[in-house]
Amino acid sequence: MSKQIGDDIRALRKARDMTLKQLATAIGRSLGWLSQIERGQTVPSVRDLAQIADTLGINISVFFRSANRAEAERGLVLRADDRVPIGSTESGLTEELLSPSLSGSFEMIKSVFAPHSDSGGRVRARDREDGGVLVSGRLSLTIDDLELKLNTGDSFQFNNRDYAWSNPHSDPAVVIWIISPPVY
């Protein structure tokens, strides 16, 4: 488990353009200690993981997905029972991390957009590529100034562009979202 945690921390840190030294300083630990964590040589305490998660802007539960599974399958398979919910129903968007590992070049997320919800404005462009497929429902996706009305089965892909979403309909919209590089 320590190898997967270390790989996840490294991937998340790099996705946020943080150096090892910046993260170590932010959590009040030594550079060497954090390097050992990332290489899977040391297991951090739950308290340390909570600090790291907070600094990286994620929920600590991300680090514990697949914890009860065989070592050989960790990082290769993420069982449905081990998925970690991200976000809250209050925001209108709930997500589940589908990726077994965050150390690859992309991540997969299941996004559920509640009926009559929206992003509350534009999501600013980041240095990443987004894509996805609407597996159920209908969703409005605005990329830059282009508003797209998506129906079940429609897919999309864009790179480093502002976007916004809304679900003005009475049914939830479900998207399997792909992001490169990983952000969670």
C-alpha atoms as a PDB file:
ATOM      1  CA  MET A   1       0.000   0.000   0.000  1.00  0.00           C
ATOM      2  CA  SER A   2       2.843   2.429   0.723  1.00  0.00           C
ATOM      3  CA  LYS A   3       3.997   2.229  -2.936  1.00  0.00           C
ATOM      4  CA  GLN A   4       0.557   3.249  -4.241  1.00  0.00           C
ATOM      5  CA  ILE A   5       0.297   6.078  -1.701  1.00  0.00           C
ATOM      6  CA  GLY A   6       3.751   7.322  -2.658  1.00  0.00           C
ATOM      7  CA  ASP A   7       2.932   7.149  -6.375  1.00  0.00           C
ATOM      8  CA  ASP A   8      -0.343   9.012  -5.787  1.00  0.00           C
ATOM      9  CA  ILE A   9       1.340  11.749  -3.744  1.00  0.00           C
ATOM     10  CA  ARG A  10       4.010  12.227  -6.423  1.00  0.00           C
ATOM     11  CA  ALA A  11       1.414  12.381  -9.229  1.00  0.00           C
ATOM     12  CA  LEU A  12      -0.806  14.832  -7.337  1.00  0.00           C
ATOM     13  CA  ARG A  13       2.146  17.015  -6.353  1.00  0.00           C
ATOM     14  CA  LYS A  14       3.381  17.186  -9.947  1.00  0.00           C
ATOM     15  CA  ALA A  15      -0.137  17.903 -11.256  1.00  0.00           C
ATOM     16  CA  ARG A  16      -0.134  20.960  -8.997  1.00  0.00           C
ATOM     17  CA  ASP A  17       3.328  22.042 -10.181  1.00  0.00           C
ATOM     18  CA  MET A  18       4.734  21.670  -6.668  1.00  0.00           C
ATOM     19  CA  THR A  19       8.292  20.667  -5.985  1.00  0.00           C
ATOM     20  CA  LEU A  20       9.138  18.061  -3.372  1.00  0.00           C
ATOM     21  CA  LYS A  21      10.620  20.852  -1.266  1.00  0.00           C
ATOM     22  CA  GLN A  22       7.476  23.021  -1.515  1.00  0.00           C
ATOM     23  CA  LEU A  23       5.219  20.190  -0.334  1.00  0.00           C
ATOM     24  CA  ALA A  24       7.620  19.191   2.448  1.00  0.00           C
ATOM     25  CA  THR A  25       7.763  22.793   3.669  1.00  0.00           C
ATOM     26  CA  ALA A  26       3.971  23.175   3.482  1.00  0.00           C
ATOM     27  CA  ILE A  27       3.421  20.129   5.718  1.00  0.00           C
ATOM     28  CA  GLY A  28       6.341  20.872   8.060  1.00  0.00           C
ATOM     29  CA  ARG A  29       8.368  17.751   7.199  1.00  0.00           C
ATOM     30  CA  SER A  30      11.820  17.159   5.764  1.00  0.00           C
ATOM     31  CA  LEU A  31      12.520  16.773   2.079  1.00  0.00           C
ATOM     32  CA  GLY A  32      14.170  13.394   2.710  1.00  0.00           C
ATOM     33  CA  TRP A  33      11.151  12.062   4.631  1.00  0.00           C
ATOM     34  CA  LEU A  34       8.744  13.072   1.857  1.00  0.00           C
ATOM     35  CA  SER A  35      11.054  11.588  -0.770  1.00  0.00           C
ATOM     36  CA  GLN A  36      10.993   8.269   1.114  1.00  0.00           C
ATOM     37  CA  ILE A  37       7.181   8.409   1.209  1.00  0.00           C
ATOM     38  CA  GLU A  38       6.992   8.994  -2.544  1.00  0.00           C
ATOM     39  CA  ARG A  39       9.396   6.088  -3.196  1.00  0.00           C
ATOM     40  CA  GLY A  40       7.332   3.747  -0.978  1.00  0.00           C
ATOM     41  CA  GLN A  41      10.143   3.314   1.552  1.00  0.00           C
ATOM     42  CA  THR A  42       8.274   4.844   4.502  1.00  0.00           C
ATOM     43  CA  VAL A  43       4.613   4.727   5.474  1.00  0.00           C
ATOM     44  CA  PRO A  44       3.164   8.071   6.595  1.00  0.00           C
ATOM     45  CA  SER A  45       0.865   8.324   9.599  1.00  0.00           C
ATOM     46  CA  VAL A  46      -2.811   9.105   9.068  1.00  0.00           C
ATOM     47  CA  ARG A  47      -2.135  12.566  10.493  1.00  0.00           C
ATOM     48  CA  ASP A  48       0.637  13.139   7.936  1.00  0.00           C
ATOM     49  CA  LEU A  49      -1.593  11.866   5.133  1.00  0.00           C
ATOM     50  CA  ALA A  50      -4.349  14.224   6.263  1.00  0.00           C
ATOM     51  CA  GLN A  51      -1.914  17.165   6.057  1.00  0.00           C
ATOM     52  CA  ILE A  52      -0.692  16.084   2.638  1.00  0.00           C
ATOM     53  CA  ALA A  53      -4.269  15.626   1.392  1.00  0.00           C
ATOM     54  CA  ASP A  54      -5.278  19.033   2.735  1.00  0.00           C
ATOM     55  CA  THR A  55      -2.272  20.709   1.104  1.00  0.00           C
ATOM     56  CA  LEU A  56      -3.017  18.986  -2.208  1.00  0.00           C
ATOM     57  CA  GLY A  57      -6.726  19.873  -1.971  1.00  0.00           C
ATOM     58  CA  ILE A  58      -8.107  16.325  -1.910  1.00  0.00           C
ATOM     59  CA  ASN A  59      -9.958  14.093   0.527  1.00  0.00           C
ATOM     60  CA  ILE A  60      -7.716  11.721   2.466  1.00  0.00           C
ATOM     61  CA  SER A  61      -9.912   8.778   1.424  1.00  0.00           C
ATOM     62  CA  VAL A  62      -8.343   8.934  -2.061  1.00  0.00           C
ATOM     63  CA  PHE A  63      -5.221   7.352  -0.558  1.00  0.00           C
ATOM     64  CA  PHE A  64      -7.123   4.378   0.843  1.00  0.00           C
ATOM     65  CA  ARG A  65      -8.914   3.114  -2.245  1.00  0.00           C
ATOM     66  CA  SER A  66      -8.145  -0.572  -2.816  1.00  0.00           C
ATOM     67  CA  ALA A  67      -6.471  -0.848   0.604  1.00  0.00           C
ATOM     68  CA  ASN A  68      -8.154  -4.193   1.298  1.00  0.00           C
ATOM     69  CA  ARG A  69      -7.252  -5.710  -2.071  1.00  0.00           C
ATOM     70  CA  ALA A  70      -4.367  -7.995  -3.010  1.00  0.00           C
ATOM     71  CA  GLU A  71      -1.108  -6.120  -3.473  1.00  0.00           C
ATOM     72  CA  ALA A  72      -0.757  -7.484  -7.033  1.00  0.00           C
ATOM     73  CA  GLU A  73      -3.957  -5.807  -8.244  1.00  0.00           C
ATOM     74  CA  ARG A  74      -3.453  -2.402  -6.580  1.00  0.00           C
ATOM     75  CA  GLY A  75      -2.813   0.211  -9.223  1.00  0.00           C
ATOM     76  CA  LEU A  76      -4.158  -2.100 -11.946  1.00  0.00           C
ATOM     77  CA  VAL A  77      -7.825  -2.543 -10.999  1.00  0.00           C
ATOM     78  CA  LEU A  78     -10.157  -0.388  -8.953  1.00  0.00           C
ATOM     79  CA  ARG A  79     -13.144  -2.433  -7.821  1.00  0.00           C
ATOM     80  CA  ALA A  80     -16.549  -0.721  -7.817  1.00  0.00           C
ATOM     81  CA  ASP A  81     -16.818  -1.234  -4.034  1.00  0.00           C
ATOM     82  CA  ASP A  82     -13.554   0.680  -3.523  1.00  0.00           C
ATOM     83  CA  ARG A  83     -14.460   3.844  -5.410  1.00  0.00           C
ATOM     84  CA  VAL A  84     -14.000   7.059  -3.508  1.00  0.00           C
ATOM     85  CA  PRO A  85     -16.702   9.746  -3.788  1.00  0.00           C
ATOM     86  CA  ILE A  86     -15.425  13.268  -4.384  1.00  0.00           C
ATOM     87  CA  GLY A  87     -17.476  16.424  -3.961  1.00  0.00           C
ATOM     88  CA  SER A  88     -20.895  16.895  -2.440  1.00  0.00           C
ATOM     89  CA  THR A  89     -24.474  16.896  -3.611  1.00  0.00           C
ATOM     90  CA  GLU A  90     -24.742  20.535  -2.469  1.00  0.00           C
ATOM     91  CA  SER A  91     -22.549  21.656  -5.380  1.00  0.00           C
ATOM     92  CA  GLY A  92     -24.677  19.769  -7.918  1.00  0.00           C
ATOM     93  CA  LEU A  93     -21.706  17.668  -8.957  1.00  0.00           C
ATOM     94  CA  THR A  94     -20.604  14.418  -7.369  1.00  0.00           C
ATOM     95  CA  GLU A  95     -17.697  12.419  -8.689  1.00  0.00           C
ATOM     96  CA  GLU A  96     -16.029   9.066  -8.208  1.00  0.00           C
ATOM     97  CA  LEU A  97     -12.404   8.473  -8.994  1.00  0.00           C
ATOM     98  CA  LEU A  98     -12.317   5.505 -11.395  1.00  0.00           C
ATOM     99  CA  SER A  99      -8.563   5.362 -11.921  1.00  0.00           C
ATOM    100  CA  PRO A 100      -6.734   2.573 -10.087  1.00  0.00           C
ATOM    101  CA  SER A 101      -3.592   4.739 -10.069  1.00  0.00           C
ATOM    102  CA  LEU A 102      -2.805   8.436 -10.344  1.00  0.00           C
ATOM    103  CA  SER A 103       0.731   7.858 -11.582  1.00  0.00           C
ATOM    104  CA  GLY A 104      -0.286   7.390 -15.228  1.00  0.00           C
ATOM    105  CA  SER A 105      -0.701  10.062 -17.866  1.00  0.00           C
ATOM    106  CA  PHE A 106      -4.478  10.398 -17.360  1.00  0.00           C
ATOM    107  CA  GLU A 107      -7.240   9.798 -14.830  1.00  0.00           C
ATOM    108  CA  MET A 108     -10.827   8.647 -15.196  1.00  0.00           C
ATOM    109  CA  ILE A 109     -13.700  10.132 -13.213  1.00  0.00           C
ATOM    110  CA  LYS A 110     -17.408   9.379 -13.123  1.00  0.00           C
ATOM    111  CA  SER A 111     -19.195  12.727 -12.847  1.00  0.00           C
ATOM    112  CA  VAL A 112     -22.878  12.949 -11.936  1.00  0.00           C
ATOM    113  CA  PHE A 113     -24.481  16.328 -12.620  1.00  0.00           C
ATOM    114  CA  ALA A 114     -27.636  16.792 -10.538  1.00  0.00           C
ATOM    115  CA  PRO A 115     -30.853  17.997 -12.180  1.00  0.00           C
ATOM    116  CA  HIS A 116     -31.129  21.803 -12.406  1.00  0.00           C
ATOM    117  CA  SER A 117     -27.482  22.405 -11.438  1.00  0.00           C
ATOM    118  CA  ASP A 118     -24.613  24.302 -13.009  1.00  0.00           C
ATOM    119  CA  SER A 119     -20.926  25.048 -12.518  1.00  0.00           C
ATOM    120  CA  GLY A 120     -21.628  28.533 -11.183  1.00  0.00           C
ATOM    121  CA  GLY A 121     -19.468  30.137 -13.842  1.00  0.00           C
ATOM    122  CA  ARG A 122     -16.476  29.238 -15.914  1.00  0.00           C
ATOM    123  CA  VAL A 123     -13.900  26.680 -14.877  1.00  0.00           C
ATOM    124  CA  ARG A 124     -10.608  28.342 -15.773  1.00  0.00           C
ATOM    125  CA  ALA A 125      -8.308  26.705 -18.298  1.00  0.00           C
ATOM    126  CA  ARG A 126      -5.493  24.678 -16.828  1.00  0.00           C
ATOM    127  CA  ASP A 127      -2.565  23.057 -18.532  1.00  0.00           C
ATOM    128  CA  ARG A 128      -4.447  19.817 -19.188  1.00  0.00           C
ATOM    129  CA  GLU A 129      -6.627  17.971 -21.650  1.00  0.00           C
ATOM    130  CA  ASP A 130     -10.217  16.989 -20.850  1.00  0.00           C
ATOM    131  CA  GLY A 131     -12.495  14.573 -22.624  1.00  0.00           C
ATOM    132  CA  GLY A 132     -15.484  12.424 -21.903  1.00  0.00           C
ATOM    133  CA  VAL A 133     -18.614  10.640 -22.941  1.00  0.00           C
ATOM    134  CA  LEU A 134     -22.140  11.298 -21.703  1.00  0.00           C
ATOM    135  CA  VAL A 135     -23.410   7.868 -20.645  1.00  0.00           C
ATOM    136  CA  SER A 136     -26.871   9.029 -19.545  1.00  0.00           C
ATOM    137  CA  GLY A 137     -28.973  12.174 -19.467  1.00  0.00           C
ATOM    138  CA  ARG A 138     -28.405  15.481 -21.222  1.00  0.00           C
ATOM    139  CA  LEU A 139     -25.842  18.173 -20.425  1.00  0.00           C
ATOM    140  CA  SER A 140     -24.949  21.635 -21.696  1.00  0.00           C
ATOM    141  CA  LEU A 141     -21.205  22.142 -21.989  1.00  0.00           C
ATOM    142  CA  THR A 142     -19.809  25.543 -22.911  1.00  0.00           C
ATOM    143  CA  ILE A 143     -16.205  25.511 -24.144  1.00  0.00           C
ATOM    144  CA  ASP A 144     -14.896  29.057 -24.407  1.00  0.00           C
ATOM    145  CA  ASP A 145     -17.958  30.735 -26.038  1.00  0.00           C
ATOM    146  CA  LEU A 146     -19.351  27.683 -27.828  1.00  0.00           C
ATOM    147  CA  GLU A 147     -22.410  26.146 -26.124  1.00  0.00           C
ATOM    148  CA  LEU A 148     -22.856  22.448 -26.845  1.00  0.00           C
ATOM    149  CA  LYS A 149     -26.045  20.510 -26.069  1.00  0.00           C
ATOM    150  CA  LEU A 150     -24.901  16.942 -25.351  1.00  0.00           C
ATOM    151  CA  ASN A 151     -27.141  13.878 -25.446  1.00  0.00           C
ATOM    152  CA  THR A 152     -26.512  10.338 -24.249  1.00  0.00           C
ATOM    153  CA  GLY A 153     -23.651   8.828 -26.253  1.00  0.00           C
ATOM    154  CA  ASP A 154     -22.105  12.160 -27.291  1.00  0.00           C
ATOM    155  CA  SER A 155     -18.422  12.646 -26.506  1.00  0.00           C
ATOM    156  CA  PHE A 156     -16.132  15.675 -26.283  1.00  0.00           C
ATOM    157  CA  GLN A 157     -12.466  16.590 -25.983  1.00  0.00           C
ATOM    158  CA  PHE A 158     -10.673  19.905 -25.427  1.00  0.00           C
ATOM    159  CA  ASN A 159      -7.265  21.113 -24.376  1.00  0.00           C
ATOM    160  CA  ASN A 160      -6.451  24.004 -22.035  1.00  0.00           C
ATOM    161  CA  ARG A 161      -9.723  25.904 -22.543  1.00  0.00           C
ATOM    162  CA  ASP A 162     -12.227  27.555 -20.208  1.00  0.00           C
ATOM    163  CA  TYR A 163     -15.471  25.651 -19.815  1.00  0.00           C
ATOM    164  CA  ALA A 164     -18.771  25.656 -17.934  1.00  0.00           C
ATOM    165  CA  TRP A 165     -21.530  23.096 -17.551  1.00  0.00           C
ATOM    166  CA  SER A 166     -25.210  23.043 -16.725  1.00  0.00           C
ATOM    167  CA  ASN A 167     -27.904  20.431 -16.391  1.00  0.00           C
ATOM    168  CA  PRO A 168     -31.210  22.297 -16.810  1.00  0.00           C
ATOM    169  CA  HIS A 169     -33.094  18.999 -17.089  1.00  0.00           C
ATOM    170  CA  SER A 170     -35.044  16.889 -14.557  1.00  0.00           C
ATOM    171  CA  ASP A 171     -32.745  13.854 -14.753  1.00  0.00           C
ATOM    172  CA  PRO A 172     -29.120  13.520 -13.662  1.00  0.00           C
ATOM    173  CA  ALA A 173     -26.441  13.558 -16.363  1.00  0.00           C
ATOM    174  CA  VAL A 174     -23.600  11.056 -16.021  1.00  0.00           C
ATOM    175  CA  VAL A 175     -20.259  11.583 -17.743  1.00  0.00           C
ATOM    176  CA  ILE A 176     -17.167   9.406 -17.770  1.00  0.00           C
ATOM    177  CA  TRP A 177     -14.524  12.138 -17.760  1.00  0.00           C
ATOM    178  CA  ILE A 178     -10.865  11.693 -18.750  1.00  0.00           C
ATOM    179  CA  ILE A 179      -8.269  14.229 -17.609  1.00  0.00           C
ATOM    180  CA  SER A 180      -4.587  14.375 -18.551  1.00  0.00           C
ATOM    181  CA  PRO A 181      -2.494  14.843 -16.517  1.00  0.00           C
ATOM    182  CA  PRO A 182      -4.316  13.629 -13.369  1.00  0.00           C
ATOM    183  CA  VAL A 183      -5.602  16.343 -11.016  1.00  0.00           C
ATOM    184  CA  TYR A 184      -7.047  14.349  -8.087  1.00  0.00           C
END
